[in-house]
Amino acid sequence: MLDKLAEINDRFEKLTHKLAQPEVFQDQNQFRKLSQEHSSLQEIVDCYKQLLEFQKEIESNKELADSNDEDPEIREMARHEISILKRNISEKEKQIQLLLLPKDPNDARNIIVEIRAGTGGDEASIFSGDLYRMYSRYVEKNKWQMEVMSSNIGEHGGFKEIIARISGSNVYSKLKFESGAHRVQR
């Protein structure tokens, strides 16, 4: 796994260097393509660098723990620090494994959300309004944008129907399973 991460880190460094070139910046299509690849590798590279840092810290703490010249309390603290770092490495490796999984090609796309009040009259339209507000807050929390394309307001609040476009970073990946009928029951 470390070899694969080193290759990804090398590719990231090359992309960083390429993006700094003026001729790449002038070709907007190439710049966009390289920027997207660069940003997709950013999180993996950050995790890889943290993993390497944890390994360096373990080595320095092992020297302290094995040294007979040090105070017994310092050796014990170093051993304790090593156990914490090993747990951190394990968690970081799990995170890296998730990041290395193949991504859905549609994950970076935007979506259109349609909320329609079904049977239930005014209560159904009030519930659809509550759903819309819930999605609106989720959009704000994730720093996405929501644009209402069409709406039909209910008589006592809420919506009989509302259609909105949600755009931003990885919107589809977070909301692709939000489909189907929802219902409220008294």
C-alpha atoms as a PDB file:
ATOM      1  CA  MET A   1       0.000   0.000   0.000  1.00  0.00           C
ATOM      2  CA  LEU A   2       2.861   2.394   0.778  1.00  0.00           C
ATOM      3  CA  ASP A   3       4.233   1.951  -2.759  1.00  0.00           C
ATOM      4  CA  LYS A   4       0.864   2.877  -4.227  1.00  0.00           C
ATOM      5  CA  LEU A   5       0.670   5.914  -1.945  1.00  0.00           C
ATOM      6  CA  ALA A   6       4.185   6.984  -2.937  1.00  0.00           C
ATOM      7  CA  GLU A   7       3.131   6.815  -6.615  1.00  0.00           C
ATOM      8  CA  ILE A   8       0.051   8.923  -5.875  1.00  0.00           C
ATOM      9  CA  ASN A   9       2.205  11.424  -3.979  1.00  0.00           C
ATOM     10  CA  ASP A  10       4.619  11.645  -6.950  1.00  0.00           C
ATOM     11  CA  ARG A  11       1.705  12.230  -9.328  1.00  0.00           C
ATOM     12  CA  PHE A  12       0.350  14.915  -6.993  1.00  0.00           C
ATOM     13  CA  GLU A  13       3.718  16.692  -6.915  1.00  0.00           C
ATOM     14  CA  LYS A  14       3.953  16.568 -10.720  1.00  0.00           C
ATOM     15  CA  LEU A  15       0.450  18.011 -11.026  1.00  0.00           C
ATOM     16  CA  THR A  16       1.331  20.777  -8.566  1.00  0.00           C
ATOM     17  CA  HIS A  17       4.367  21.631 -10.683  1.00  0.00           C
ATOM     18  CA  LYS A  18       2.360  21.516 -13.947  1.00  0.00           C
ATOM     19  CA  LEU A  19      -0.367  23.768 -12.560  1.00  0.00           C
ATOM     20  CA  ALA A  20       2.241  26.414 -11.810  1.00  0.00           C
ATOM     21  CA  GLN A  21       3.287  26.559 -15.489  1.00  0.00           C
ATOM     22  CA  PRO A  22       1.920  29.614 -17.364  1.00  0.00           C
ATOM     23  CA  GLU A  23       1.213  27.649 -20.560  1.00  0.00           C
ATOM     24  CA  VAL A  24      -1.050  25.233 -18.672  1.00  0.00           C
ATOM     25  CA  PHE A  25      -2.920  28.125 -17.087  1.00  0.00           C
ATOM     26  CA  GLN A  26      -3.607  29.646 -20.516  1.00  0.00           C
ATOM     27  CA  ASP A  27      -5.255  26.439 -21.779  1.00  0.00           C
ATOM     28  CA  GLN A  28      -8.374  26.478 -19.583  1.00  0.00           C
ATOM     29  CA  ASN A  29      -9.539  22.972 -20.548  1.00  0.00           C
ATOM     30  CA  GLN A  30      -6.210  21.425 -19.603  1.00  0.00           C
ATOM     31  CA  PHE A  31      -6.022  23.576 -16.459  1.00  0.00           C
ATOM     32  CA  ARG A  32      -9.527  22.450 -15.376  1.00  0.00           C
ATOM     33  CA  LYS A  33      -8.717  18.788 -16.014  1.00  0.00           C
ATOM     34  CA  LEU A  34      -5.430  18.939 -14.098  1.00  0.00           C
ATOM     35  CA  SER A  35      -7.022  20.930 -11.253  1.00  0.00           C
ATOM     36  CA  GLN A  36      -9.758  18.329 -10.827  1.00  0.00           C
ATOM     37  CA  GLU A  37      -7.220  15.503 -10.722  1.00  0.00           C
ATOM     38  CA  HIS A  38      -5.079  17.511  -8.286  1.00  0.00           C
ATOM     39  CA  SER A  39      -7.996  18.116  -5.933  1.00  0.00           C
ATOM     40  CA  SER A  40      -9.086  14.457  -6.113  1.00  0.00           C
ATOM     41  CA  LEU A  41      -5.620  13.373  -4.928  1.00  0.00           C
ATOM     42  CA  GLN A  42      -5.298  16.054  -2.219  1.00  0.00           C
ATOM     43  CA  GLU A  43      -7.021  14.142   0.600  1.00  0.00           C
ATOM     44  CA  ILE A  44      -5.131  10.903  -0.123  1.00  0.00           C
ATOM     45  CA  VAL A  45      -1.793  12.734  -0.145  1.00  0.00           C
ATOM     46  CA  ASP A  46      -2.625  14.512   3.120  1.00  0.00           C
ATOM     47  CA  CYS A  47      -3.450  11.181   4.777  1.00  0.00           C
ATOM     48  CA  TYR A  48      -0.257   9.645   3.383  1.00  0.00           C
ATOM     49  CA  LYS A  49       1.854  12.475   4.811  1.00  0.00           C
ATOM     50  CA  GLN A  50       0.157  12.121   8.204  1.00  0.00           C
ATOM     51  CA  LEU A  51       0.831   8.384   8.109  1.00  0.00           C
ATOM     52  CA  LEU A  52       4.524   8.999   7.423  1.00  0.00           C
ATOM     53  CA  GLU A  53       4.637  11.544  10.245  1.00  0.00           C
ATOM     54  CA  PHE A  54       3.099   9.036  12.660  1.00  0.00           C
ATOM     55  CA  GLN A  55       5.737   6.464  11.654  1.00  0.00           C
ATOM     56  CA  LYS A  56       8.550   8.983  12.260  1.00  0.00           C
ATOM     57  CA  GLU A  57       7.141   9.797  15.679  1.00  0.00           C
ATOM     58  CA  ILE A  58       6.992   6.091  16.553  1.00  0.00           C
ATOM     59  CA  GLU A  59      10.665   5.702  15.654  1.00  0.00           C
ATOM     60  CA  SER A  60      11.717   8.647  17.814  1.00  0.00           C
ATOM     61  CA  ASN A  61       9.582   7.397  20.700  1.00  0.00           C
ATOM     62  CA  LYS A  62      11.073   3.905  20.371  1.00  0.00           C
ATOM     63  CA  GLU A  63      14.518   5.409  20.848  1.00  0.00           C
ATOM     64  CA  LEU A  64      13.327   7.079  24.041  1.00  0.00           C
ATOM     65  CA  ALA A  65      11.534   3.958  25.288  1.00  0.00           C
ATOM     66  CA  ASP A  66      14.557   1.710  24.685  1.00  0.00           C
ATOM     67  CA  SER A  67      17.142   4.141  26.071  1.00  0.00           C
ATOM     68  CA  ASN A  68      18.608   3.267  29.448  1.00  0.00           C
ATOM     69  CA  ASP A  69      19.862   6.820  29.862  1.00  0.00           C
ATOM     70  CA  GLU A  70      16.355   8.278  30.177  1.00  0.00           C
ATOM     71  CA  ASP A  71      14.199   8.654  33.266  1.00  0.00           C
ATOM     72  CA  PRO A  72      11.750   5.709  33.759  1.00  0.00           C
ATOM     73  CA  GLU A  73       8.796   8.116  33.592  1.00  0.00           C
ATOM     74  CA  ILE A  74       9.935   9.415  30.193  1.00  0.00           C
ATOM     75  CA  ARG A  75      10.351   5.854  28.915  1.00  0.00           C
ATOM     76  CA  GLU A  76       6.838   5.017  30.113  1.00  0.00           C
ATOM     77  CA  MET A  77       5.431   8.149  28.448  1.00  0.00           C
ATOM     78  CA  ALA A  78       7.181   7.173  25.216  1.00  0.00           C
ATOM     79  CA  ARG A  79       5.654   3.666  25.359  1.00  0.00           C
ATOM     80  CA  HIS A  80       2.226   5.176  25.957  1.00  0.00           C
ATOM     81  CA  GLU A  81       2.741   7.580  23.035  1.00  0.00           C
ATOM     82  CA  ILE A  82       3.739   4.636  20.804  1.00  0.00           C
ATOM     83  CA  SER A  83       0.476   2.819  21.566  1.00  0.00           C
ATOM     84  CA  ILE A  84      -1.519   5.961  20.742  1.00  0.00           C
ATOM     85  CA  LEU A  85       0.404   6.451  17.492  1.00  0.00           C
ATOM     86  CA  LYS A  86      -0.168   2.815  16.490  1.00  0.00           C
ATOM     87  CA  ARG A  87      -3.921   3.336  16.926  1.00  0.00           C
ATOM     88  CA  ASN A  88      -3.693   6.530  14.870  1.00  0.00           C
ATOM     89  CA  ILE A  89      -1.831   4.658  12.126  1.00  0.00           C
ATOM     90  CA  SER A  90      -4.474   1.954  12.076  1.00  0.00           C
ATOM     91  CA  GLU A  91      -7.271   4.529  11.750  1.00  0.00           C
ATOM     92  CA  LYS A  92      -5.375   6.436   9.065  1.00  0.00           C
ATOM     93  CA  GLU A  93      -4.793   3.224   7.071  1.00  0.00           C
ATOM     94  CA  LYS A  94      -8.533   2.485   7.157  1.00  0.00           C
ATOM     95  CA  GLN A  95      -9.256   6.010   5.962  1.00  0.00           C
ATOM     96  CA  ILE A  96      -6.730   5.649   3.133  1.00  0.00           C
ATOM     97  CA  GLN A  97      -8.254   2.329   2.073  1.00  0.00           C
ATOM     98  CA  LEU A  98     -11.649   4.032   1.771  1.00  0.00           C
ATOM     99  CA  LEU A  99     -10.125   6.877  -0.235  1.00  0.00           C
ATOM    100  CA  LEU A 100      -8.450   4.430  -2.618  1.00  0.00           C
ATOM    101  CA  LEU A 101     -11.742   2.697  -3.492  1.00  0.00           C
ATOM    102  CA  PRO A 102     -12.881   3.383  -7.061  1.00  0.00           C
ATOM    103  CA  LYS A 103     -15.274   6.307  -7.273  1.00  0.00           C
ATOM    104  CA  ASP A 104     -18.583   6.448  -9.087  1.00  0.00           C
ATOM    105  CA  PRO A 105     -18.039   8.546 -12.237  1.00  0.00           C
ATOM    106  CA  ASN A 106     -21.230  10.484 -11.445  1.00  0.00           C
ATOM    107  CA  ASP A 107     -20.222  11.469  -7.893  1.00  0.00           C
ATOM    108  CA  ALA A 108     -19.071  14.949  -8.913  1.00  0.00           C
ATOM    109  CA  ARG A 109     -22.312  15.794 -10.710  1.00  0.00           C
ATOM    110  CA  ASN A 110     -25.091  18.144  -9.614  1.00  0.00           C
ATOM    111  CA  ILE A 111     -28.648  16.962  -8.982  1.00  0.00           C
ATOM    112  CA  ILE A 112     -32.271  17.991  -9.311  1.00  0.00           C
ATOM    113  CA  VAL A 113     -34.529  17.330  -6.327  1.00  0.00           C
ATOM    114  CA  GLU A 114     -38.276  16.985  -6.812  1.00  0.00           C
ATOM    115  CA  ILE A 115     -40.542  17.014  -3.759  1.00  0.00           C
ATOM    116  CA  ARG A 116     -44.235  16.409  -4.333  1.00  0.00           C
ATOM    117  CA  ALA A 117     -47.023  16.203  -1.784  1.00  0.00           C
ATOM    118  CA  GLY A 118     -48.894  12.967  -2.253  1.00  0.00           C
ATOM    119  CA  THR A 119     -52.275  12.078  -0.891  1.00  0.00           C
ATOM    120  CA  GLY A 120     -53.018  13.714   2.417  1.00  0.00           C
ATOM    121  CA  GLY A 121     -54.011  17.201   1.382  1.00  0.00           C
ATOM    122  CA  ASP A 122     -52.714  20.066   3.473  1.00  0.00           C
ATOM    123  CA  GLU A 123     -50.753  17.850   5.850  1.00  0.00           C
ATOM    124  CA  ALA A 124     -48.859  16.310   2.923  1.00  0.00           C
ATOM    125  CA  SER A 125     -47.976  19.745   1.549  1.00  0.00           C
ATOM    126  CA  ILE A 126     -46.815  20.917   4.993  1.00  0.00           C
ATOM    127  CA  PHE A 127     -44.640  17.802   5.239  1.00  0.00           C
ATOM    128  CA  SER A 128     -43.177  18.447   1.786  1.00  0.00           C
ATOM    129  CA  GLY A 129     -42.321  21.975   2.978  1.00  0.00           C
ATOM    130  CA  ASP A 130     -40.570  20.471   5.989  1.00  0.00           C
ATOM    131  CA  LEU A 131     -38.597  18.161   3.666  1.00  0.00           C
ATOM    132  CA  TYR A 132     -37.605  21.119   1.507  1.00  0.00           C
ATOM    133  CA  ARG A 133     -36.370  23.055   4.549  1.00  0.00           C
ATOM    134  CA  MET A 134     -34.419  19.988   5.704  1.00  0.00           C
ATOM    135  CA  TYR A 135     -32.683  19.697   2.330  1.00  0.00           C
ATOM    136  CA  SER A 136     -32.071  23.462   2.279  1.00  0.00           C
ATOM    137  CA  ARG A 137     -30.276  23.310   5.614  1.00  0.00           C
ATOM    138  CA  TYR A 138     -28.237  20.315   4.476  1.00  0.00           C
ATOM    139  CA  VAL A 139     -27.255  22.250   1.350  1.00  0.00           C
ATOM    140  CA  GLU A 140     -26.156  25.231   3.473  1.00  0.00           C
ATOM    141  CA  LYS A 141     -24.217  22.996   5.841  1.00  0.00           C
ATOM    142  CA  ASN A 142     -22.268  21.506   2.917  1.00  0.00           C
ATOM    143  CA  LYS A 143     -21.727  24.941   1.316  1.00  0.00           C
ATOM    144  CA  TRP A 144     -23.594  23.958  -1.845  1.00  0.00           C
ATOM    145  CA  GLN A 145     -26.038  26.092  -3.824  1.00  0.00           C
ATOM    146  CA  MET A 146     -29.760  25.449  -4.225  1.00  0.00           C
ATOM    147  CA  GLU A 147     -31.804  27.057  -6.978  1.00  0.00           C
ATOM    148  CA  VAL A 148     -35.590  26.633  -7.040  1.00  0.00           C
ATOM    149  CA  MET A 149     -36.609  25.860 -10.602  1.00  0.00           C
ATOM    150  CA  SER A 150     -40.347  25.443 -10.054  1.00  0.00           C
ATOM    151  CA  SER A 151     -42.710  25.499  -7.095  1.00  0.00           C
ATOM    152  CA  ASN A 152     -46.406  25.230  -6.360  1.00  0.00           C
ATOM    153  CA  ILE A 153     -47.231  26.490  -2.870  1.00  0.00           C
ATOM    154  CA  GLY A 154     -49.818  24.676  -0.758  1.00  0.00           C
ATOM    155  CA  GLU A 155     -52.891  26.441   0.648  1.00  0.00           C
ATOM    156  CA  HIS A 156     -51.879  26.147   4.321  1.00  0.00           C
ATOM    157  CA  GLY A 157     -48.112  26.262   3.971  1.00  0.00           C
ATOM    158  CA  GLY A 158     -45.565  23.965   2.474  1.00  0.00           C
ATOM    159  CA  PHE A 159     -45.496  22.932  -1.151  1.00  0.00           C
ATOM    160  CA  LYS A 160     -47.708  20.858  -3.375  1.00  0.00           C
ATOM    161  CA  GLU A 161     -44.624  20.537  -5.567  1.00  0.00           C
ATOM    162  CA  ILE A 162     -41.132  22.011  -5.611  1.00  0.00           C
ATOM    163  CA  ILE A 163     -38.248  21.289  -7.956  1.00  0.00           C
ATOM    164  CA  ALA A 164     -34.762  22.535  -7.092  1.00  0.00           C
ATOM    165  CA  ARG A 165     -31.284  22.199  -8.563  1.00  0.00           C
ATOM    166  CA  ILE A 166     -28.477  21.507  -6.084  1.00  0.00           C
ATOM    167  CA  SER A 167     -24.949  22.201  -7.259  1.00  0.00           C
ATOM    168  CA  GLY A 168     -21.583  21.986  -5.568  1.00  0.00           C
ATOM    169  CA  SER A 169     -18.748  19.623  -4.803  1.00  0.00           C
ATOM    170  CA  ASN A 170     -19.715  15.924  -4.838  1.00  0.00           C
ATOM    171  CA  VAL A 171     -23.441  16.573  -4.478  1.00  0.00           C
ATOM    172  CA  TYR A 172     -24.478  13.361  -6.230  1.00  0.00           C
ATOM    173  CA  SER A 173     -22.174  11.220  -4.085  1.00  0.00           C
ATOM    174  CA  LYS A 174     -23.891  12.447  -0.898  1.00  0.00           C
ATOM    175  CA  LEU A 175     -27.490  12.439  -2.140  1.00  0.00           C
ATOM    176  CA  LYS A 176     -27.643   9.571  -4.663  1.00  0.00           C
ATOM    177  CA  PHE A 177     -29.616   7.349  -2.309  1.00  0.00           C
ATOM    178  CA  GLU A 178     -32.224  10.002  -1.473  1.00  0.00           C
ATOM    179  CA  SER A 179     -35.087   8.697  -3.535  1.00  0.00           C
ATOM    180  CA  GLY A 180     -38.459   7.132  -3.066  1.00  0.00           C
ATOM    181  CA  ALA A 181     -41.565   7.995  -1.142  1.00  0.00           C
ATOM    182  CA  HIS A 182     -41.523   9.500   2.336  1.00  0.00           C
ATOM    183  CA  ARG A 183     -44.611   9.698   4.439  1.00  0.00           C
ATOM    184  CA  VAL A 184     -45.774  11.243   7.659  1.00  0.00           C
ATOM    185  CA  GLN A 185     -48.143   9.363   9.884  1.00  0.00           C
ATOM    186  CA  ARG A 186     -50.092  10.639  12.867  1.00  0.00           C
END
